[in-house]
Amino acid sequence: MAEDKFEQAVIDKLKSEGWEYLTDYSGVTVDRLYDHWRDILNANNRKRLEDTPLSDNEFEQVKLELTKNKTPYDAQLMLAGTGGVGTVPLNRDDGTQLELEIFYGDEVAGGHSRYEVVNQITFTDLAT
């Protein structure tokens, strides 16, 4: 099977399982995907954030927390969280601390959880 056909087969399978294929985000940079995820985090945590969206510094903290997961097991523990809600600690620019919700394991088929797939993203920081 050619690579493009395999890629399309994976996308089709995920779509059949309820994932949303985001054509507007296919072929974009990783930074654009991060911006999209940031919008989702702001929306899902609006009350926790008291209607103040994540600053650039705060979002960098979230991304740094993700890099601390060195194994798939570590990532699973973070996503499972407490009571099925995965969180990351956040120190707001104003000094307040909170747990930012990033995944809702008990809402696999709906709720706050979103399952999205894109393809052909561009990595600008890879060595050439």
N, C-alpha and C. Protein backbone atom coordinates (compact mmCIF):
# COMPACT_ATOMS: atom_id res chain seq x y z
N MET A 1 0.86 -1.18 0.00
CA MET A 1 0.00 0.00 0.00
C MET A 1 0.90 1.24 0.00
N ALA A 2 0.61 2.16 -0.88
CA ALA A 2 1.38 3.40 -0.95
C ALA A 2 1.16 4.23 0.31
N GLU A 3 2.15 5.04 0.62
CA GLU A 3 2.10 5.84 1.85
C GLU A 3 0.85 6.73 1.91
N ASP A 4 0.51 7.38 0.82
CA ASP A 4 -0.66 8.27 0.84
C ASP A 4 -1.96 7.49 1.04
N LYS A 5 -2.03 6.28 0.51
CA LYS A 5 -3.23 5.46 0.70
C LYS A 5 -3.32 4.97 2.15
N PHE A 6 -2.17 4.62 2.71
CA PHE A 6 -2.14 4.20 4.12
C PHE A 6 -2.59 5.36 5.01
N GLU A 7 -2.04 6.54 4.75
CA GLU A 7 -2.41 7.72 5.52
C GLU A 7 -3.91 7.97 5.46
N GLN A 8 -4.48 7.89 4.28
CA GLN A 8 -5.92 8.12 4.13
C GLN A 8 -6.72 7.03 4.83
N ALA A 9 -6.23 5.79 4.80
CA ALA A 9 -6.92 4.69 5.47
C ALA A 9 -6.96 4.92 6.98
N VAL A 10 -5.86 5.42 7.54
CA VAL A 10 -5.82 5.72 8.98
C VAL A 10 -6.81 6.84 9.31
N ILE A 11 -6.81 7.89 8.50
CA ILE A 11 -7.75 9.00 8.72
C ILE A 11 -9.19 8.50 8.64
N ASP A 12 -9.48 7.71 7.62
CA ASP A 12 -10.84 7.18 7.46
C ASP A 12 -11.25 6.32 8.65
N LYS A 13 -10.33 5.50 9.15
CA LYS A 13 -10.63 4.65 10.31
C LYS A 13 -10.93 5.51 11.53
N LEU A 14 -10.10 6.52 11.78
CA LEU A 14 -10.34 7.39 12.93
C LEU A 14 -11.67 8.13 12.79
N LYS A 15 -11.98 8.59 11.61
CA LYS A 15 -13.26 9.27 11.38
C LYS A 15 -14.42 8.32 11.67
N SER A 16 -14.28 7.06 11.28
CA SER A 16 -15.35 6.09 11.53
C SER A 16 -15.52 5.81 13.02
N GLU A 17 -14.48 6.11 13.81
CA GLU A 17 -14.52 5.92 15.26
C GLU A 17 -14.94 7.20 15.99
N GLY A 18 -15.33 8.23 15.23
CA GLY A 18 -15.83 9.46 15.85
C GLY A 18 -14.84 10.61 15.90
N TRP A 19 -13.64 10.41 15.38
CA TRP A 19 -12.67 11.50 15.35
C TRP A 19 -13.05 12.50 14.27
N GLU A 20 -12.68 13.76 14.48
CA GLU A 20 -12.95 14.80 13.49
C GLU A 20 -11.67 15.08 12.71
N TYR A 21 -11.76 15.02 11.40
CA TYR A 21 -10.62 15.33 10.53
C TYR A 21 -10.62 16.83 10.25
N LEU A 22 -9.59 17.51 10.72
CA LEU A 22 -9.51 18.97 10.60
C LEU A 22 -8.71 19.34 9.35
N THR A 23 -9.39 19.48 8.24
CA THR A 23 -8.70 19.81 7.00
C THR A 23 -8.02 21.17 7.08
N ASP A 24 -8.61 22.11 7.82
CA ASP A 24 -8.01 23.45 7.96
C ASP A 24 -6.68 23.41 8.70
N TYR A 25 -6.42 22.36 9.43
CA TYR A 25 -5.18 22.25 10.19
C TYR A 25 -4.22 21.23 9.60
N SER A 26 -4.57 20.63 8.51
CA SER A 26 -3.66 19.71 7.84
C SER A 26 -2.67 20.52 7.01
N GLY A 27 -1.41 20.14 7.08
CA GLY A 27 -0.37 20.85 6.36
C GLY A 27 0.14 22.09 7.06
N VAL A 28 -0.24 22.30 8.31
CA VAL A 28 0.19 23.49 9.06
C VAL A 28 1.41 23.15 9.92
N THR A 29 1.94 24.16 10.58
CA THR A 29 3.08 23.95 11.47
C THR A 29 2.62 23.46 12.84
N VAL A 30 3.56 22.90 13.57
CA VAL A 30 3.28 22.46 14.93
C VAL A 30 2.81 23.63 15.78
N ASP A 31 3.39 24.80 15.56
CA ASP A 31 2.99 25.99 16.33
C ASP A 31 1.51 26.31 16.13
N ARG A 32 1.02 26.13 14.91
CA ARG A 32 -0.41 26.39 14.66
C ARG A 32 -1.27 25.38 15.41
N LEU A 33 -0.82 24.12 15.50
CA LEU A 33 -1.55 23.12 16.26
C LEU A 33 -1.53 23.45 17.75
N TYR A 34 -0.40 23.93 18.24
CA TYR A 34 -0.34 24.37 19.64
C TYR A 34 -1.33 25.50 19.89
N ASP A 35 -1.42 26.45 18.96
CA ASP A 35 -2.38 27.55 19.11
C ASP A 35 -3.81 27.02 19.19
N HIS A 36 -4.12 26.02 18.38
CA HIS A 36 -5.45 25.40 18.40
C HIS A 36 -5.71 24.74 19.75
N TRP A 37 -4.72 24.00 20.24
CA TRP A 37 -4.88 23.34 21.53
C TRP A 37 -5.03 24.37 22.65
N ARG A 38 -4.29 25.45 22.55
CA ARG A 38 -4.40 26.53 23.54
C ARG A 38 -5.83 27.07 23.58
N ASP A 39 -6.44 27.27 22.42
CA ASP A 39 -7.84 27.72 22.36
C ASP A 39 -8.76 26.73 23.06
N ILE A 40 -8.52 25.43 22.84
CA ILE A 40 -9.34 24.40 23.48
C ILE A 40 -9.16 24.44 25.00
N LEU A 41 -7.90 24.55 25.46
CA LEU A 41 -7.64 24.63 26.90
C LEU A 41 -8.33 25.84 27.52
N ASN A 42 -8.23 26.99 26.84
CA ASN A 42 -8.89 28.20 27.36
C ASN A 42 -10.40 28.00 27.46
N ALA A 43 -10.99 27.38 26.47
CA ALA A 43 -12.45 27.16 26.48
C ALA A 43 -12.84 26.17 27.57
N ASN A 44 -12.11 25.06 27.68
CA ASN A 44 -12.46 24.03 28.66
C ASN A 44 -12.18 24.45 30.10
N ASN A 45 -11.30 25.42 30.28
CA ASN A 45 -10.91 25.85 31.63
C ASN A 45 -11.33 27.29 31.91
N ARG A 46 -12.32 27.78 31.18
CA ARG A 46 -12.73 29.18 31.30
C ARG A 46 -12.99 29.59 32.75
N LYS A 47 -13.73 28.77 33.48
CA LYS A 47 -14.04 29.12 34.87
C LYS A 47 -12.79 29.07 35.74
N ARG A 48 -11.98 28.03 35.58
CA ARG A 48 -10.75 27.92 36.36
C ARG A 48 -9.82 29.12 36.10
N LEU A 49 -9.80 29.55 34.84
CA LEU A 49 -8.93 30.66 34.45
C LEU A 49 -9.59 32.02 34.70
N GLU A 50 -10.80 31.99 35.23
CA GLU A 50 -11.56 33.20 35.53
C GLU A 50 -11.63 34.13 34.33
N ASP A 51 -11.94 33.53 33.18
CA ASP A 51 -12.11 34.27 31.92
C ASP A 51 -10.86 35.02 31.46
N THR A 52 -9.70 34.66 32.00
CA THR A 52 -8.44 35.26 31.56
C THR A 52 -7.65 34.18 30.82
N PRO A 53 -7.57 34.26 29.49
CA PRO A 53 -6.89 33.23 28.72
C PRO A 53 -5.43 33.06 29.14
N LEU A 54 -4.89 31.89 28.84
CA LEU A 54 -3.49 31.61 29.14
C LEU A 54 -2.58 32.61 28.43
N SER A 55 -1.62 33.15 29.17
CA SER A 55 -0.62 34.03 28.57
C SER A 55 0.40 33.15 27.85
N ASP A 56 1.28 33.78 27.08
CA ASP A 56 2.33 33.01 26.40
C ASP A 56 3.19 32.27 27.42
N ASN A 57 3.56 32.93 28.50
CA ASN A 57 4.37 32.32 29.55
C ASN A 57 3.64 31.12 30.17
N GLU A 58 2.38 31.28 30.45
CA GLU A 58 1.60 30.20 31.08
C GLU A 58 1.46 29.01 30.14
N PHE A 59 1.25 29.27 28.86
CA PHE A 59 1.12 28.17 27.92
C PHE A 59 2.46 27.44 27.75
N GLU A 60 3.55 28.17 27.81
CA GLU A 60 4.87 27.52 27.77
C GLU A 60 5.05 26.58 28.96
N GLN A 61 4.51 26.96 30.13
CA GLN A 61 4.55 26.07 31.29
C GLN A 61 3.82 24.76 31.00
N VAL A 62 2.66 24.86 30.37
CA VAL A 62 1.87 23.68 30.04
C VAL A 62 2.67 22.78 29.10
N LYS A 63 3.26 23.36 28.07
CA LYS A 63 4.05 22.58 27.12
C LYS A 63 5.24 21.92 27.81
N LEU A 64 5.87 22.64 28.73
CA LEU A 64 7.00 22.08 29.48
C LEU A 64 6.57 20.89 30.32
N GLU A 65 5.40 20.98 30.93
CA GLU A 65 4.89 19.85 31.72
C GLU A 65 4.73 18.60 30.85
N LEU A 66 4.31 18.78 29.62
CA LEU A 66 4.14 17.64 28.72
C LEU A 66 5.47 16.97 28.42
N THR A 67 6.54 17.76 28.31
CA THR A 67 7.84 17.18 27.98
C THR A 67 8.44 16.39 29.14
N LYS A 68 7.88 16.52 30.32
CA LYS A 68 8.37 15.76 31.47
C LYS A 68 7.99 14.28 31.39
N ASN A 69 7.06 13.95 30.53
CA ASN A 69 6.65 12.55 30.35
C ASN A 69 7.66 11.86 29.46
N LYS A 70 8.48 11.00 30.05
CA LYS A 70 9.54 10.35 29.30
C LYS A 70 9.13 9.01 28.71
N THR A 71 8.02 8.46 29.17
CA THR A 71 7.57 7.17 28.66
C THR A 71 6.07 7.23 28.39
N PRO A 72 5.56 6.33 27.56
CA PRO A 72 4.10 6.27 27.37
C PRO A 72 3.36 6.04 28.69
N TYR A 73 3.97 5.29 29.60
CA TYR A 73 3.35 5.05 30.91
C TYR A 73 3.20 6.36 31.68
N ASP A 74 4.25 7.19 31.67
CA ASP A 74 4.18 8.49 32.34
C ASP A 74 3.06 9.36 31.75
N ALA A 75 2.96 9.35 30.43
CA ALA A 75 1.91 10.14 29.77
C ALA A 75 0.53 9.63 30.15
N GLN A 76 0.38 8.30 30.23
CA GLN A 76 -0.90 7.71 30.61
C GLN A 76 -1.28 8.12 32.02
N LEU A 77 -0.32 8.13 32.93
CA LEU A 77 -0.60 8.54 34.31
C LEU A 77 -1.07 9.99 34.36
N MET A 78 -0.43 10.85 33.57
CA MET A 78 -0.82 12.26 33.56
C MET A 78 -2.23 12.41 33.00
N LEU A 79 -2.53 11.68 31.92
CA LEU A 79 -3.85 11.79 31.31
C LEU A 79 -4.94 11.20 32.19
N ALA A 80 -4.63 10.11 32.89
CA ALA A 80 -5.62 9.48 33.77
C ALA A 80 -5.94 10.38 34.95
N GLY A 81 -4.91 11.06 35.45
CA GLY A 81 -5.11 12.02 36.53
C GLY A 81 -5.85 11.44 37.73
N THR A 82 -6.54 12.30 38.43
CA THR A 82 -7.34 11.92 39.58
C THR A 82 -8.80 11.90 39.16
N GLY A 83 -9.45 10.80 39.39
CA GLY A 83 -10.86 10.70 39.02
C GLY A 83 -11.11 10.76 37.53
N GLY A 84 -10.11 10.39 36.74
CA GLY A 84 -10.29 10.36 35.29
C GLY A 84 -10.08 11.69 34.60
N VAL A 85 -9.61 12.70 35.32
CA VAL A 85 -9.35 14.01 34.71
C VAL A 85 -7.86 14.29 34.78
N GLY A 86 -7.23 14.36 33.61
CA GLY A 86 -5.81 14.68 33.55
C GLY A 86 -5.59 16.17 33.72
N THR A 87 -4.62 16.52 34.56
CA THR A 87 -4.34 17.93 34.82
C THR A 87 -2.84 18.19 34.78
N VAL A 88 -2.49 19.46 34.64
CA VAL A 88 -1.12 19.91 34.80
C VAL A 88 -1.14 21.11 35.73
N PRO A 89 -0.11 21.24 36.58
CA PRO A 89 -0.05 22.40 37.47
C PRO A 89 0.29 23.65 36.68
N LEU A 90 -0.27 24.76 37.12
CA LEU A 90 -0.02 26.03 36.44
C LEU A 90 0.16 27.13 37.47
N ASN A 91 1.24 27.87 37.32
CA ASN A 91 1.47 29.07 38.12
C ASN A 91 1.13 30.25 37.21
N ARG A 92 0.04 30.93 37.55
CA ARG A 92 -0.40 32.06 36.73
C ARG A 92 0.56 33.23 36.89
N ASP A 93 0.55 34.10 35.91
CA ASP A 93 1.42 35.27 35.95
C ASP A 93 1.16 36.15 37.16
N ASP A 94 -0.07 36.09 37.70
CA ASP A 94 -0.41 36.90 38.87
C ASP A 94 -0.05 36.20 40.19
N GLY A 95 0.59 35.03 40.10
CA GLY A 95 1.03 34.31 41.29
C GLY A 95 0.08 33.23 41.78
N THR A 96 -1.14 33.20 41.27
CA THR A 96 -2.07 32.15 41.70
C THR A 96 -1.68 30.82 41.06
N GLN A 97 -2.06 29.74 41.75
CA GLN A 97 -1.76 28.40 41.28
C GLN A 97 -3.06 27.64 41.07
N LEU A 98 -3.08 26.79 40.05
CA LEU A 98 -4.25 25.97 39.80
C LEU A 98 -3.85 24.73 39.02
N GLU A 99 -4.79 23.81 38.91
CA GLU A 99 -4.61 22.62 38.09
C GLU A 99 -5.42 22.83 36.82
N LEU A 100 -4.74 22.86 35.70
CA LEU A 100 -5.40 23.05 34.41
C LEU A 100 -5.83 21.69 33.87
N GLU A 101 -7.10 21.55 33.55
CA GLU A 101 -7.61 20.28 33.04
C GLU A 101 -7.25 20.13 31.57
N ILE A 102 -6.62 18.98 31.23
CA ILE A 102 -6.20 18.77 29.85
C ILE A 102 -6.85 17.56 29.19
N PHE A 103 -7.44 16.66 29.98
CA PHE A 103 -8.04 15.46 29.41
C PHE A 103 -9.12 14.94 30.34
N TYR A 104 -10.20 14.46 29.74
CA TYR A 104 -11.35 13.96 30.49
C TYR A 104 -11.59 12.50 30.11
N GLY A 105 -10.97 11.59 30.84
CA GLY A 105 -11.06 10.17 30.54
C GLY A 105 -12.44 9.60 30.65
N ASP A 106 -13.27 10.19 31.50
CA ASP A 106 -14.63 9.68 31.66
C ASP A 106 -15.59 10.23 30.61
N GLU A 107 -15.09 11.05 29.71
CA GLU A 107 -15.92 11.63 28.65
C GLU A 107 -15.39 11.21 27.28
N VAL A 108 -15.07 9.93 27.15
CA VAL A 108 -14.45 9.43 25.93
C VAL A 108 -15.33 9.66 24.70
N ALA A 109 -16.61 9.55 24.84
CA ALA A 109 -17.50 9.67 23.68
C ALA A 109 -18.20 11.02 23.62
N GLY A 110 -17.68 12.02 24.27
CA GLY A 110 -18.33 13.33 24.23
C GLY A 110 -17.87 14.21 25.36
N GLY A 111 -18.70 15.13 25.75
CA GLY A 111 -18.34 16.06 26.82
C GLY A 111 -17.26 17.02 26.37
N HIS A 112 -16.29 17.26 27.25
CA HIS A 112 -15.20 18.18 26.95
C HIS A 112 -14.15 17.57 26.03
N SER A 113 -14.04 16.25 26.02
CA SER A 113 -13.00 15.60 25.23
C SER A 113 -13.26 15.78 23.74
N ARG A 114 -12.17 16.05 23.03
CA ARG A 114 -12.25 16.20 21.57
C ARG A 114 -11.18 15.31 20.97
N TYR A 115 -11.57 14.58 19.96
CA TYR A 115 -10.63 13.71 19.25
C TYR A 115 -10.53 14.21 17.82
N GLU A 116 -9.35 14.72 17.50
CA GLU A 116 -9.14 15.35 16.21
C GLU A 116 -7.90 14.76 15.55
N VAL A 117 -7.93 14.70 14.24
CA VAL A 117 -6.79 14.19 13.48
C VAL A 117 -6.47 15.17 12.36
N VAL A 118 -5.18 15.35 12.13
CA VAL A 118 -4.68 16.15 11.01
C VAL A 118 -3.59 15.32 10.33
N ASN A 119 -3.16 15.78 9.19
CA ASN A 119 -2.06 15.10 8.52
C ASN A 119 -1.13 16.11 7.86
N GLN A 120 0.05 15.61 7.53
CA GLN A 120 1.05 16.40 6.80
C GLN A 120 1.42 17.69 7.51
N ILE A 121 1.65 17.61 8.82
CA ILE A 121 2.07 18.82 9.55
C ILE A 121 3.54 19.10 9.25
N THR A 122 3.95 20.34 9.47
CA THR A 122 5.30 20.78 9.18
C THR A 122 6.05 21.03 10.48
N PHE A 123 7.21 20.39 10.60
CA PHE A 123 8.08 20.60 11.75
C PHE A 123 9.19 21.54 11.33
N THR A 124 9.19 22.74 11.88
CA THR A 124 10.18 23.75 11.48
C THR A 124 11.48 23.63 12.25
N ASP A 125 11.50 22.87 13.34
CA ASP A 125 12.70 22.81 14.17
C ASP A 125 13.49 21.51 14.00
N LEU A 126 13.20 20.74 12.97
CA LEU A 126 13.95 19.51 12.74
C LEU A 126 15.25 19.82 12.02
N ALA A 127 16.29 19.10 12.40
CA ALA A 127 17.58 19.28 11.73
C ALA A 127 17.48 18.79 10.29
N THR A 128 18.13 19.52 9.40
CA THR A 128 18.09 19.11 7.98
C THR A 128 19.41 18.56 7.54
